[in-house]
Amino acid sequence: MSESQPIDKQRIARQNILGVLLAGGLARRMGGGDKCLRTVGGKTMLTHAINRAGPQVGSLIINAAGDPERFASYGFPVVPDAIEGFAGPLAGILTAMEWAHTHAPEVAWVASFATDAPFFPEDLTSRLAQAIECDGAEMACAQTGARTHPVFALWPVALAAALRRAMEDEKMRKIDLWTARYKIAHVVWTSDPVDPFFNINTVDDLHVAEEFSL
């Protein structure tokens, strides 16, 4: 990767956004395996994520380790982390930035989506993009109440080299610590009647999500 380029803050369009479906969680509290392949309302959580994210971006990739064939039926590129070891969602964001740099040079932005939150908003990227443009920010992430959701965010591909340096040289792993270095916009969604960023970490959460989906 080259050094970071100046961030282009011209109008962000759907076609220059790459969506990354973060599917690399270890799901320890659910007995392991691919959490995103568990079902809610008769569909896998990955299907819910694709259905919601797809119309919001120009293209999609799945970020996951292991045999990509288990996701073959979904028809999207499956890209493992660019940083070795389980380095968390920040590694998935870096992976998408670098994949875009190599495979989709027209892409200037990466939208990240957690695949264990099947109800995330269908206007996520448009509102994040609007906040970046209106606030003169460098990136944006979602928020409900006082809680931020940094995995649901819009990132400039131009910061790929800076993020790689932080992850390799500083062993940076926490999203909030890295984004604190930049001007970030926070976009608030209501959590009434349901927090749209409700994420499924346990079997009990899965049961709650089933009730939401009815």
N, C-alpha and C. Protein backbone atom coordinates (compact mmCIF):
# COMPACT_ATOMS: atom_id res chain seq x y z
N MET A 1 0.83 -1.19 0.00
CA MET A 1 0.00 0.00 0.00
C MET A 1 0.87 1.25 0.00
N SER A 2 0.42 2.29 -0.69
CA SER A 2 1.11 3.56 -0.66
C SER A 2 0.74 4.33 0.59
N GLU A 3 1.40 5.47 0.80
CA GLU A 3 1.06 6.31 1.93
C GLU A 3 -0.37 6.83 1.77
N SER A 4 -0.96 7.26 2.88
CA SER A 4 -2.33 7.76 2.83
C SER A 4 -2.44 8.95 1.89
N GLN A 5 -3.54 9.00 1.14
CA GLN A 5 -3.81 10.10 0.25
C GLN A 5 -4.81 11.04 0.93
N PRO A 6 -4.85 12.31 0.49
CA PRO A 6 -5.84 13.22 1.06
C PRO A 6 -7.25 12.66 0.87
N ILE A 7 -8.09 12.84 1.87
CA ILE A 7 -9.45 12.31 1.80
C ILE A 7 -10.30 13.20 0.90
N ASP A 8 -10.95 12.59 -0.09
CA ASP A 8 -11.82 13.30 -1.00
C ASP A 8 -13.18 13.46 -0.33
N LYS A 9 -13.51 14.70 0.04
CA LYS A 9 -14.77 14.94 0.74
C LYS A 9 -15.87 15.42 -0.20
N GLN A 10 -15.67 15.21 -1.52
CA GLN A 10 -16.75 15.50 -2.43
C GLN A 10 -17.91 14.54 -2.17
N ARG A 11 -19.02 14.79 -2.80
CA ARG A 11 -20.23 14.01 -2.53
C ARG A 11 -19.96 12.51 -2.60
N ILE A 12 -20.39 11.82 -1.56
CA ILE A 12 -20.20 10.38 -1.47
C ILE A 12 -21.39 9.71 -2.17
N ALA A 13 -21.11 8.89 -3.15
CA ALA A 13 -22.15 8.24 -3.92
C ALA A 13 -22.14 6.74 -3.65
N ARG A 14 -23.31 6.12 -3.80
CA ARG A 14 -23.46 4.69 -3.56
C ARG A 14 -22.43 3.88 -4.33
N GLN A 15 -22.18 4.24 -5.59
CA GLN A 15 -21.30 3.43 -6.43
C GLN A 15 -19.84 3.48 -6.02
N ASN A 16 -19.43 4.47 -5.21
CA ASN A 16 -18.04 4.48 -4.77
C ASN A 16 -17.87 4.05 -3.32
N ILE A 17 -18.86 3.27 -2.85
CA ILE A 17 -18.80 2.68 -1.52
C ILE A 17 -18.73 1.16 -1.64
N LEU A 18 -17.73 0.57 -1.00
CA LEU A 18 -17.64 -0.89 -0.87
C LEU A 18 -18.18 -1.28 0.50
N GLY A 19 -19.12 -2.20 0.54
CA GLY A 19 -19.61 -2.70 1.81
C GLY A 19 -18.85 -3.94 2.23
N VAL A 20 -18.46 -3.99 3.51
CA VAL A 20 -17.80 -5.19 4.03
C VAL A 20 -18.68 -5.79 5.12
N LEU A 21 -19.03 -7.05 4.93
CA LEU A 21 -19.83 -7.81 5.90
C LEU A 21 -18.87 -8.53 6.83
N LEU A 22 -18.79 -8.06 8.06
CA LEU A 22 -17.82 -8.59 9.02
C LEU A 22 -18.36 -9.88 9.61
N ALA A 23 -17.79 -11.00 9.18
CA ALA A 23 -18.30 -12.32 9.56
C ALA A 23 -17.21 -13.15 10.23
N GLY A 24 -16.26 -12.48 10.86
CA GLY A 24 -15.13 -13.21 11.41
C GLY A 24 -15.18 -13.50 12.89
N GLY A 25 -16.32 -13.23 13.55
CA GLY A 25 -16.42 -13.48 14.98
C GLY A 25 -16.28 -14.95 15.33
N LEU A 26 -15.73 -15.21 16.52
CA LEU A 26 -15.49 -16.59 16.94
C LEU A 26 -16.72 -17.25 17.56
N ALA A 27 -17.72 -16.44 17.95
CA ALA A 27 -19.00 -16.97 18.47
C ALA A 27 -18.79 -17.92 19.64
N ARG A 28 -17.85 -17.60 20.52
CA ARG A 28 -17.57 -18.50 21.66
C ARG A 28 -18.79 -18.70 22.55
N ARG A 29 -19.57 -17.62 22.74
CA ARG A 29 -20.72 -17.71 23.64
C ARG A 29 -21.91 -18.43 23.01
N MET A 30 -21.74 -18.82 21.73
CA MET A 30 -22.80 -19.58 21.07
C MET A 30 -22.29 -20.95 20.65
N GLY A 31 -21.17 -21.37 21.22
CA GLY A 31 -20.65 -22.70 20.94
C GLY A 31 -19.73 -22.77 19.74
N GLY A 32 -19.31 -21.61 19.22
CA GLY A 32 -18.39 -21.59 18.09
C GLY A 32 -19.10 -21.70 16.75
N GLY A 33 -18.33 -21.75 15.69
CA GLY A 33 -18.89 -21.82 14.35
C GLY A 33 -19.17 -20.44 13.77
N ASP A 34 -19.83 -20.42 12.65
CA ASP A 34 -20.15 -19.17 11.97
C ASP A 34 -21.48 -18.62 12.50
N LYS A 35 -21.37 -17.63 13.37
CA LYS A 35 -22.58 -17.06 13.96
C LYS A 35 -23.51 -16.50 12.89
N CYS A 36 -22.93 -15.94 11.83
CA CYS A 36 -23.75 -15.30 10.81
C CYS A 36 -24.61 -16.29 10.02
N LEU A 37 -24.32 -17.59 10.17
CA LEU A 37 -25.12 -18.61 9.48
C LEU A 37 -26.25 -19.15 10.36
N ARG A 38 -26.36 -18.63 11.59
CA ARG A 38 -27.53 -18.95 12.40
C ARG A 38 -28.74 -18.21 11.82
N THR A 39 -29.91 -18.76 12.04
CA THR A 39 -31.10 -18.19 11.42
C THR A 39 -31.91 -17.34 12.39
N VAL A 40 -32.51 -16.30 11.83
CA VAL A 40 -33.48 -15.43 12.53
C VAL A 40 -34.64 -15.23 11.56
N GLY A 41 -35.82 -15.57 12.00
CA GLY A 41 -36.98 -15.41 11.13
C GLY A 41 -36.89 -16.23 9.86
N GLY A 42 -36.24 -17.39 9.93
CA GLY A 42 -36.15 -18.28 8.79
C GLY A 42 -35.06 -17.96 7.80
N LYS A 43 -34.25 -16.94 8.06
CA LYS A 43 -33.13 -16.58 7.18
C LYS A 43 -31.85 -16.48 8.00
N THR A 44 -30.73 -16.79 7.38
CA THR A 44 -29.47 -16.62 8.10
C THR A 44 -29.25 -15.14 8.36
N MET A 45 -28.49 -14.87 9.43
CA MET A 45 -28.16 -13.48 9.72
C MET A 45 -27.35 -12.86 8.58
N LEU A 46 -26.56 -13.68 7.90
CA LEU A 46 -25.81 -13.17 6.75
C LEU A 46 -26.77 -12.74 5.64
N THR A 47 -27.81 -13.49 5.42
CA THR A 47 -28.81 -13.11 4.41
C THR A 47 -29.48 -11.79 4.79
N HIS A 48 -29.85 -11.64 6.06
CA HIS A 48 -30.43 -10.37 6.51
C HIS A 48 -29.47 -9.22 6.23
N ALA A 49 -28.18 -9.43 6.54
CA ALA A 49 -27.19 -8.38 6.34
C ALA A 49 -27.04 -8.03 4.87
N ILE A 50 -27.00 -9.04 4.01
CA ILE A 50 -26.89 -8.79 2.57
C ILE A 50 -28.11 -8.03 2.05
N ASN A 51 -29.30 -8.44 2.49
CA ASN A 51 -30.52 -7.79 2.03
C ASN A 51 -30.57 -6.32 2.43
N ARG A 52 -30.03 -6.01 3.60
CA ARG A 52 -30.05 -4.62 4.08
C ARG A 52 -28.89 -3.80 3.54
N ALA A 53 -27.72 -4.41 3.46
CA ALA A 53 -26.53 -3.67 3.04
C ALA A 53 -26.45 -3.51 1.53
N GLY A 54 -26.86 -4.53 0.79
CA GLY A 54 -26.67 -4.54 -0.65
C GLY A 54 -27.17 -3.29 -1.37
N PRO A 55 -28.41 -2.85 -1.10
CA PRO A 55 -28.92 -1.67 -1.80
C PRO A 55 -28.23 -0.37 -1.41
N GLN A 56 -27.42 -0.40 -0.34
CA GLN A 56 -26.80 0.83 0.17
C GLN A 56 -25.40 1.09 -0.39
N VAL A 57 -24.84 0.09 -1.08
CA VAL A 57 -23.45 0.19 -1.52
C VAL A 57 -23.32 -0.23 -2.98
N GLY A 58 -22.16 0.09 -3.57
CA GLY A 58 -21.93 -0.31 -4.95
C GLY A 58 -21.54 -1.75 -5.10
N SER A 59 -20.87 -2.31 -4.09
CA SER A 59 -20.43 -3.70 -4.13
C SER A 59 -20.24 -4.19 -2.71
N LEU A 60 -20.18 -5.53 -2.56
CA LEU A 60 -20.08 -6.15 -1.24
C LEU A 60 -18.98 -7.20 -1.23
N ILE A 61 -18.29 -7.32 -0.10
CA ILE A 61 -17.42 -8.46 0.17
C ILE A 61 -17.76 -9.01 1.54
N ILE A 62 -17.41 -10.28 1.75
CA ILE A 62 -17.55 -10.92 3.06
C ILE A 62 -16.16 -11.06 3.65
N ASN A 63 -15.97 -10.57 4.85
CA ASN A 63 -14.70 -10.70 5.55
C ASN A 63 -14.80 -11.88 6.52
N ALA A 64 -14.10 -12.97 6.21
CA ALA A 64 -14.14 -14.16 7.05
C ALA A 64 -12.91 -15.01 6.78
N ALA A 65 -12.45 -15.69 7.82
CA ALA A 65 -11.33 -16.62 7.69
C ALA A 65 -11.85 -18.01 7.35
N GLY A 66 -10.92 -18.91 7.07
CA GLY A 66 -11.31 -20.30 6.83
C GLY A 66 -11.72 -20.55 5.39
N ASP A 67 -12.34 -21.70 5.17
CA ASP A 67 -12.72 -22.15 3.84
C ASP A 67 -13.81 -21.24 3.27
N PRO A 68 -13.53 -20.51 2.19
CA PRO A 68 -14.55 -19.60 1.64
C PRO A 68 -15.73 -20.33 1.01
N GLU A 69 -15.58 -21.63 0.74
CA GLU A 69 -16.65 -22.37 0.07
C GLU A 69 -17.94 -22.40 0.89
N ARG A 70 -17.84 -22.25 2.21
CA ARG A 70 -19.06 -22.28 3.01
C ARG A 70 -19.95 -21.07 2.76
N PHE A 71 -19.40 -20.05 2.10
CA PHE A 71 -20.18 -18.88 1.73
C PHE A 71 -20.42 -18.79 0.22
N ALA A 72 -20.07 -19.83 -0.51
CA ALA A 72 -20.12 -19.78 -1.97
C ALA A 72 -21.51 -19.46 -2.51
N SER A 73 -22.54 -19.95 -1.84
CA SER A 73 -23.90 -19.76 -2.34
C SER A 73 -24.34 -18.30 -2.31
N TYR A 74 -23.62 -17.46 -1.56
CA TYR A 74 -24.00 -16.06 -1.46
C TYR A 74 -23.48 -15.24 -2.64
N GLY A 75 -22.45 -15.72 -3.31
CA GLY A 75 -21.99 -15.09 -4.54
C GLY A 75 -21.13 -13.85 -4.40
N PHE A 76 -20.53 -13.63 -3.22
CA PHE A 76 -19.67 -12.46 -3.02
C PHE A 76 -18.24 -12.90 -2.72
N PRO A 77 -17.26 -12.06 -3.05
CA PRO A 77 -15.88 -12.39 -2.68
C PRO A 77 -15.76 -12.57 -1.16
N VAL A 78 -15.01 -13.59 -0.77
CA VAL A 78 -14.74 -13.84 0.65
C VAL A 78 -13.28 -13.54 0.89
N VAL A 79 -13.00 -12.58 1.77
CA VAL A 79 -11.65 -12.07 1.94
C VAL A 79 -11.22 -12.24 3.39
N PRO A 80 -10.14 -12.98 3.66
CA PRO A 80 -9.67 -13.14 5.04
C PRO A 80 -8.95 -11.89 5.52
N ASP A 81 -8.77 -11.79 6.82
CA ASP A 81 -8.10 -10.63 7.40
C ASP A 81 -6.72 -10.40 6.81
N ALA A 82 -6.40 -9.13 6.58
CA ALA A 82 -5.09 -8.76 6.07
C ALA A 82 -4.03 -8.77 7.17
N ILE A 83 -4.46 -8.85 8.42
CA ILE A 83 -3.56 -8.94 9.58
C ILE A 83 -3.69 -10.34 10.17
N GLU A 84 -2.59 -11.01 10.38
CA GLU A 84 -2.64 -12.39 10.90
C GLU A 84 -3.12 -12.42 12.34
N GLY A 85 -3.73 -13.56 12.70
CA GLY A 85 -4.27 -13.70 14.04
C GLY A 85 -5.64 -13.05 14.11
N PHE A 86 -6.41 -13.36 15.14
CA PHE A 86 -7.74 -12.77 15.28
C PHE A 86 -7.58 -11.37 15.86
N ALA A 87 -7.59 -10.37 14.97
CA ALA A 87 -7.32 -8.99 15.37
C ALA A 87 -8.58 -8.15 15.50
N GLY A 88 -9.76 -8.78 15.41
CA GLY A 88 -11.01 -8.07 15.62
C GLY A 88 -11.50 -7.31 14.41
N PRO A 89 -12.59 -6.54 14.58
CA PRO A 89 -13.23 -5.89 13.43
C PRO A 89 -12.36 -4.83 12.76
N LEU A 90 -11.42 -4.23 13.49
CA LEU A 90 -10.55 -3.24 12.85
C LEU A 90 -9.75 -3.88 11.73
N ALA A 91 -9.37 -5.13 11.90
CA ALA A 91 -8.66 -5.84 10.84
C ALA A 91 -9.55 -6.06 9.62
N GLY A 92 -10.82 -6.30 9.85
CA GLY A 92 -11.76 -6.45 8.74
C GLY A 92 -11.93 -5.16 7.96
N ILE A 93 -11.92 -4.05 8.67
CA ILE A 93 -12.04 -2.75 8.01
C ILE A 93 -10.79 -2.48 7.16
N LEU A 94 -9.61 -2.76 7.73
CA LEU A 94 -8.38 -2.61 6.96
C LEU A 94 -8.39 -3.52 5.74
N THR A 95 -8.84 -4.74 5.92
CA THR A 95 -8.92 -5.70 4.81
C THR A 95 -9.75 -5.14 3.66
N ALA A 96 -10.91 -4.57 3.99
CA ALA A 96 -11.78 -4.00 2.96
C ALA A 96 -11.13 -2.81 2.27
N MET A 97 -10.48 -1.95 3.05
CA MET A 97 -9.79 -0.79 2.45
C MET A 97 -8.74 -1.25 1.45
N GLU A 98 -7.93 -2.23 1.85
CA GLU A 98 -6.86 -2.68 0.97
C GLU A 98 -7.40 -3.48 -0.20
N TRP A 99 -8.46 -4.22 0.00
CA TRP A 99 -9.08 -4.95 -1.11
C TRP A 99 -9.60 -3.96 -2.15
N ALA A 100 -10.24 -2.89 -1.68
CA ALA A 100 -10.75 -1.87 -2.59
C ALA A 100 -9.61 -1.22 -3.37
N HIS A 101 -8.52 -0.93 -2.68
CA HIS A 101 -7.36 -0.30 -3.34
C HIS A 101 -6.87 -1.16 -4.50
N THR A 102 -6.88 -2.47 -4.32
CA THR A 102 -6.35 -3.39 -5.33
C THR A 102 -7.37 -3.77 -6.39
N HIS A 103 -8.60 -4.04 -5.97
CA HIS A 103 -9.60 -4.63 -6.86
C HIS A 103 -10.68 -3.66 -7.34
N ALA A 104 -10.84 -2.54 -6.68
CA ALA A 104 -11.92 -1.61 -7.04
C ALA A 104 -11.43 -0.18 -6.87
N PRO A 105 -10.55 0.27 -7.76
CA PRO A 105 -9.95 1.60 -7.60
C PRO A 105 -10.94 2.75 -7.63
N GLU A 106 -12.14 2.49 -8.13
CA GLU A 106 -13.16 3.55 -8.14
C GLU A 106 -13.77 3.77 -6.76
N VAL A 107 -13.52 2.86 -5.85
CA VAL A 107 -14.09 2.94 -4.50
C VAL A 107 -13.26 3.88 -3.62
N ALA A 108 -13.92 4.84 -3.00
CA ALA A 108 -13.26 5.78 -2.10
C ALA A 108 -13.64 5.56 -0.65
N TRP A 109 -14.69 4.78 -0.42
CA TRP A 109 -15.22 4.60 0.94
C TRP A 109 -15.55 3.14 1.21
N VAL A 110 -15.42 2.76 2.45
CA VAL A 110 -15.82 1.43 2.92
C VAL A 110 -16.90 1.60 3.97
N ALA A 111 -18.01 0.91 3.79
CA ALA A 111 -19.06 0.84 4.80
C ALA A 111 -18.97 -0.51 5.48
N SER A 112 -18.86 -0.51 6.80
CA SER A 112 -18.73 -1.77 7.54
C SER A 112 -20.05 -2.13 8.21
N PHE A 113 -20.37 -3.42 8.16
CA PHE A 113 -21.62 -3.93 8.72
C PHE A 113 -21.32 -5.19 9.53
N ALA A 114 -21.81 -5.24 10.76
CA ALA A 114 -21.71 -6.47 11.55
C ALA A 114 -22.80 -7.43 11.09
N THR A 115 -22.45 -8.68 10.90
CA THR A 115 -23.44 -9.66 10.41
C THR A 115 -24.23 -10.30 11.54
N ASP A 116 -23.97 -9.90 12.79
CA ASP A 116 -24.75 -10.44 13.90
C ASP A 116 -25.79 -9.44 14.40
N ALA A 117 -26.09 -8.43 13.59
CA ALA A 117 -27.11 -7.43 13.94
C ALA A 117 -28.10 -7.36 12.78
N PRO A 118 -29.10 -8.22 12.77
CA PRO A 118 -29.96 -8.38 11.58
C PRO A 118 -30.96 -7.27 11.33
N PHE A 119 -31.00 -6.24 12.21
CA PHE A 119 -32.01 -5.19 12.05
C PHE A 119 -31.40 -3.82 11.76
N PHE A 120 -30.14 -3.78 11.34
CA PHE A 120 -29.51 -2.47 11.16
C PHE A 120 -30.23 -1.66 10.07
N PRO A 121 -30.16 -0.33 10.14
CA PRO A 121 -30.99 0.54 9.29
C PRO A 121 -30.70 0.41 7.80
N GLU A 122 -31.75 0.56 7.02
CA GLU A 122 -31.62 0.52 5.57
C GLU A 122 -31.18 1.86 5.00
N ASP A 123 -31.10 2.89 5.84
CA ASP A 123 -30.58 4.19 5.42
C ASP A 123 -29.24 4.49 6.09
N LEU A 124 -28.54 3.44 6.50
CA LEU A 124 -27.30 3.62 7.26
C LEU A 124 -26.27 4.43 6.49
N THR A 125 -25.89 3.97 5.30
CA THR A 125 -24.80 4.64 4.60
C THR A 125 -25.19 6.03 4.13
N SER A 126 -26.43 6.22 3.74
CA SER A 126 -26.83 7.55 3.26
C SER A 126 -26.75 8.58 4.38
N ARG A 127 -27.16 8.20 5.58
CA ARG A 127 -27.10 9.14 6.70
C ARG A 127 -25.66 9.35 7.17
N LEU A 128 -24.85 8.31 7.15
CA LEU A 128 -23.44 8.48 7.52
C LEU A 128 -22.74 9.39 6.52
N ALA A 129 -23.01 9.18 5.24
CA ALA A 129 -22.40 10.01 4.20
C ALA A 129 -22.82 11.47 4.35
N GLN A 130 -24.09 11.68 4.62
CA GLN A 130 -24.59 13.05 4.79
C GLN A 130 -23.90 13.72 5.96
N ALA A 131 -23.67 12.99 7.04
CA ALA A 131 -23.01 13.57 8.22
C ALA A 131 -21.57 13.95 7.90
N ILE A 132 -20.87 13.11 7.16
CA ILE A 132 -19.49 13.42 6.77
C ILE A 132 -19.46 14.71 5.95
N GLU A 133 -20.36 14.81 5.01
CA GLU A 133 -20.39 15.98 4.13
C GLU A 133 -20.79 17.24 4.88
N CYS A 134 -21.80 17.14 5.75
CA CYS A 134 -22.30 18.32 6.47
C CYS A 134 -21.34 18.79 7.55
N ASP A 135 -20.68 17.85 8.23
CA ASP A 135 -19.81 18.19 9.35
C ASP A 135 -18.35 18.38 8.94
N GLY A 136 -18.03 18.09 7.68
CA GLY A 136 -16.63 18.15 7.28
C GLY A 136 -15.79 17.11 8.00
N ALA A 137 -16.41 15.96 8.30
CA ALA A 137 -15.74 14.90 9.05
C ALA A 137 -14.94 14.00 8.12
N GLU A 138 -14.09 13.18 8.72
CA GLU A 138 -13.28 12.24 7.94
C GLU A 138 -13.90 10.84 7.90
N MET A 139 -14.81 10.58 8.82
CA MET A 139 -15.50 9.30 8.90
C MET A 139 -16.74 9.49 9.74
N ALA A 140 -17.61 8.48 9.78
CA ALA A 140 -18.83 8.59 10.57
C ALA A 140 -19.23 7.22 11.08
N CYS A 141 -19.86 7.20 12.27
CA CYS A 141 -20.36 5.93 12.80
C CYS A 141 -21.73 6.13 13.43
N ALA A 142 -22.41 5.02 13.64
CA ALA A 142 -23.78 5.03 14.15
C ALA A 142 -23.80 5.15 15.67
N GLN A 143 -24.95 5.61 16.18
CA GLN A 143 -25.13 5.76 17.62
C GLN A 143 -26.59 5.61 17.96
N THR A 144 -26.90 4.98 19.10
CA THR A 144 -28.24 5.00 19.68
C THR A 144 -28.09 5.43 21.13
N GLY A 145 -28.86 6.45 21.51
CA GLY A 145 -28.71 6.98 22.85
C GLY A 145 -27.28 7.47 23.06
N ALA A 146 -26.68 7.05 24.19
CA ALA A 146 -25.31 7.43 24.49
C ALA A 146 -24.30 6.40 23.99
N ARG A 147 -24.78 5.36 23.33
CA ARG A 147 -23.90 4.27 22.92
C ARG A 147 -23.54 4.37 21.45
N THR A 148 -22.25 4.38 21.16
CA THR A 148 -21.81 4.37 19.77
C THR A 148 -21.67 2.94 19.28
N HIS A 149 -21.76 2.78 17.96
CA HIS A 149 -21.64 1.47 17.31
C HIS A 149 -20.56 1.57 16.24
N PRO A 150 -19.28 1.55 16.65
CA PRO A 150 -18.19 1.83 15.71
C PRO A 150 -18.02 0.81 14.60
N VAL A 151 -18.61 -0.37 14.74
CA VAL A 151 -18.53 -1.35 13.66
C VAL A 151 -19.44 -0.95 12.49
N PHE A 152 -20.46 -0.17 12.77
CA PHE A 152 -21.34 0.35 11.72
C PHE A 152 -20.87 1.75 11.37
N ALA A 153 -20.02 1.84 10.35
CA ALA A 153 -19.37 3.10 10.07
C ALA A 153 -19.01 3.23 8.60
N LEU A 154 -18.64 4.44 8.23
CA LEU A 154 -18.20 4.75 6.87
C LEU A 154 -16.78 5.27 6.96
N TRP A 155 -15.87 4.61 6.22
CA TRP A 155 -14.43 4.84 6.34
C TRP A 155 -13.82 5.25 5.01
N PRO A 156 -12.88 6.19 5.01
CA PRO A 156 -12.20 6.55 3.76
C PRO A 156 -11.08 5.56 3.44
N VAL A 157 -11.09 5.07 2.23
CA VAL A 157 -10.03 4.16 1.79
C VAL A 157 -8.66 4.84 1.87
N ALA A 158 -8.63 6.16 1.78
CA ALA A 158 -7.37 6.90 1.82
C ALA A 158 -6.61 6.71 3.12
N LEU A 159 -7.27 6.24 4.17
CA LEU A 159 -6.59 6.03 5.45
C LEU A 159 -6.07 4.61 5.63
N ALA A 160 -6.07 3.81 4.59
CA ALA A 160 -5.64 2.41 4.70
C ALA A 160 -4.21 2.30 5.21
N ALA A 161 -3.30 3.06 4.64
CA ALA A 161 -1.89 2.96 5.06
C ALA A 161 -1.72 3.37 6.50
N ALA A 162 -2.42 4.42 6.92
CA ALA A 162 -2.34 4.86 8.31
C ALA A 162 -2.88 3.80 9.26
N LEU A 163 -3.96 3.14 8.87
CA LEU A 163 -4.52 2.09 9.72
C LEU A 163 -3.59 0.89 9.78
N ARG A 164 -3.00 0.50 8.66
CA ARG A 164 -2.06 -0.61 8.69
C ARG A 164 -0.88 -0.30 9.62
N ARG A 165 -0.33 0.89 9.55
CA ARG A 165 0.78 1.26 10.44
C ARG A 165 0.36 1.16 11.89
N ALA A 166 -0.84 1.65 12.20
CA ALA A 166 -1.32 1.60 13.58
C ALA A 166 -1.48 0.17 14.06
N MET A 167 -1.97 -0.71 13.19
CA MET A 167 -2.20 -2.09 13.59
C MET A 167 -0.89 -2.88 13.70
N GLU A 168 0.05 -2.60 12.81
CA GLU A 168 1.31 -3.34 12.82
C GLU A 168 2.30 -2.77 13.84
N ASP A 169 2.49 -1.46 13.81
CA ASP A 169 3.52 -0.85 14.64
C ASP A 169 3.08 -0.62 16.08
N GLU A 170 1.79 -0.29 16.25
CA GLU A 170 1.28 0.02 17.59
C GLU A 170 0.40 -1.10 18.16
N LYS A 171 0.18 -2.13 17.38
CA LYS A 171 -0.72 -3.22 17.78
C LYS A 171 -2.11 -2.69 18.12
N MET A 172 -2.55 -1.71 17.37
CA MET A 172 -3.87 -1.12 17.57
C MET A 172 -4.95 -2.15 17.27
N ARG A 173 -5.90 -2.28 18.20
CA ARG A 173 -7.00 -3.23 18.00
C ARG A 173 -8.36 -2.62 18.29
N LYS A 174 -8.43 -1.58 19.08
CA LYS A 174 -9.71 -0.97 19.46
C LYS A 174 -10.09 0.13 18.47
N ILE A 175 -11.28 -0.02 17.90
CA ILE A 175 -11.72 0.94 16.90
C ILE A 175 -11.75 2.36 17.47
N ASP A 176 -12.32 2.52 18.67
CA ASP A 176 -12.47 3.86 19.24
C ASP A 176 -11.14 4.56 19.45
N LEU A 177 -10.11 3.81 19.79
CA LEU A 177 -8.80 4.43 20.00
C LEU A 177 -8.24 4.97 18.68
N TRP A 178 -8.49 4.24 17.60
CA TRP A 178 -7.98 4.71 16.31
C TRP A 178 -8.80 5.87 15.77
N THR A 179 -10.12 5.79 15.85
CA THR A 179 -10.95 6.86 15.31
C THR A 179 -10.80 8.16 16.09
N ALA A 180 -10.33 8.07 17.34
CA ALA A 180 -10.13 9.29 18.15
C ALA A 180 -9.07 10.21 17.53
N ARG A 181 -8.29 9.69 16.61
CA ARG A 181 -7.25 10.50 15.95
C ARG A 181 -7.82 11.36 14.82
N TYR A 182 -9.08 11.15 14.49
CA TYR A 182 -9.68 11.80 13.33
C TYR A 182 -10.97 12.51 13.72
N LYS A 183 -11.44 13.35 12.81
CA LYS A 183 -12.74 13.98 13.04
C LYS A 183 -13.82 13.01 12.61
N ILE A 184 -14.60 12.56 13.56
CA ILE A 184 -15.63 11.55 13.29
C ILE A 184 -17.00 12.12 13.62
N ALA A 185 -17.95 11.90 12.74
CA ALA A 185 -19.33 12.30 12.97
C ALA A 185 -20.10 11.12 13.55
N HIS A 186 -21.00 11.39 14.48
CA HIS A 186 -21.85 10.36 15.07
C HIS A 186 -23.30 10.64 14.66
N VAL A 187 -23.93 9.62 14.13
CA VAL A 187 -25.29 9.75 13.63
C VAL A 187 -26.21 8.94 14.54
N VAL A 188 -27.23 9.60 15.08
CA VAL A 188 -28.08 8.97 16.09
C VAL A 188 -29.34 8.39 15.48
N TRP A 189 -29.61 7.15 15.83
CA TRP A 189 -30.88 6.50 15.50
C TRP A 189 -31.66 6.26 16.78
N THR A 190 -32.97 6.23 16.69
CA THR A 190 -33.80 5.92 17.84
C THR A 190 -33.74 4.42 18.15
N SER A 191 -33.86 4.09 19.41
CA SER A 191 -33.90 2.69 19.81
C SER A 191 -35.31 2.26 20.20
N ASP A 192 -36.29 3.05 19.82
CA ASP A 192 -37.69 2.75 20.11
C ASP A 192 -38.41 2.35 18.83
N PRO A 193 -39.03 1.20 18.74
CA PRO A 193 -39.24 0.22 19.82
C PRO A 193 -38.09 -0.77 19.98
N VAL A 194 -37.18 -0.84 18.98
CA VAL A 194 -36.08 -1.80 19.02
C VAL A 194 -34.81 -1.08 18.61
N ASP A 195 -33.72 -1.35 19.33
CA ASP A 195 -32.44 -0.80 18.90
C ASP A 195 -32.06 -1.45 17.57
N PRO A 196 -31.93 -0.68 16.49
CA PRO A 196 -31.63 -1.31 15.20
C PRO A 196 -30.26 -1.98 15.16
N PHE A 197 -29.41 -1.68 16.16
CA PHE A 197 -28.08 -2.27 16.19
C PHE A 197 -27.98 -3.38 17.24
N PHE A 198 -29.15 -3.89 17.65
CA PHE A 198 -29.16 -5.04 18.56
C PHE A 198 -28.35 -6.17 17.94
N ASN A 199 -27.32 -6.61 18.67
CA ASN A 199 -26.48 -7.68 18.11
C ASN A 199 -26.62 -8.95 18.93
N ILE A 200 -26.46 -10.06 18.24
CA ILE A 200 -26.71 -11.38 18.80
C ILE A 200 -25.40 -12.01 19.21
N ASN A 201 -25.21 -12.15 20.52
CA ASN A 201 -23.98 -12.75 21.04
C ASN A 201 -24.20 -14.08 21.74
N THR A 202 -25.44 -14.35 22.15
CA THR A 202 -25.75 -15.55 22.90
C THR A 202 -26.99 -16.22 22.32
N VAL A 203 -27.25 -17.43 22.77
CA VAL A 203 -28.47 -18.14 22.36
C VAL A 203 -29.70 -17.37 22.83
N ASP A 204 -29.63 -16.77 24.03
CA ASP A 204 -30.76 -15.98 24.52
C ASP A 204 -31.02 -14.78 23.60
N ASP A 205 -29.95 -14.14 23.14
CA ASP A 205 -30.12 -13.02 22.19
C ASP A 205 -30.81 -13.49 20.92
N LEU A 206 -30.49 -14.70 20.51
CA LEU A 206 -31.10 -15.26 19.30
C LEU A 206 -32.60 -15.40 19.50
N HIS A 207 -33.01 -15.83 20.68
CA HIS A 207 -34.44 -15.96 20.97
C HIS A 207 -35.12 -14.59 20.98
N VAL A 208 -34.44 -13.59 21.54
CA VAL A 208 -35.00 -12.23 21.56
C VAL A 208 -35.17 -11.73 20.12
N ALA A 209 -34.16 -11.97 19.28
CA ALA A 209 -34.22 -11.52 17.90
C ALA A 209 -35.37 -12.18 17.15
N GLU A 210 -35.63 -13.43 17.46
CA GLU A 210 -36.77 -14.12 16.85
C GLU A 210 -38.08 -13.39 17.18
N GLU A 211 -38.20 -12.90 18.42
CA GLU A 211 -39.39 -12.18 18.79
C GLU A 211 -39.49 -10.86 18.02
N PHE A 212 -38.36 -10.17 17.85
CA PHE A 212 -38.32 -8.92 17.09
C PHE A 212 -38.76 -9.14 15.65
N SER A 213 -38.37 -10.27 15.10
CA SER A 213 -38.59 -10.51 13.66
C SER A 213 -40.02 -10.89 13.33
N LEU A 214 -40.81 -11.19 14.33
CA LEU A 214 -42.19 -11.62 14.09
C LEU A 214 -43.04 -10.46 13.57
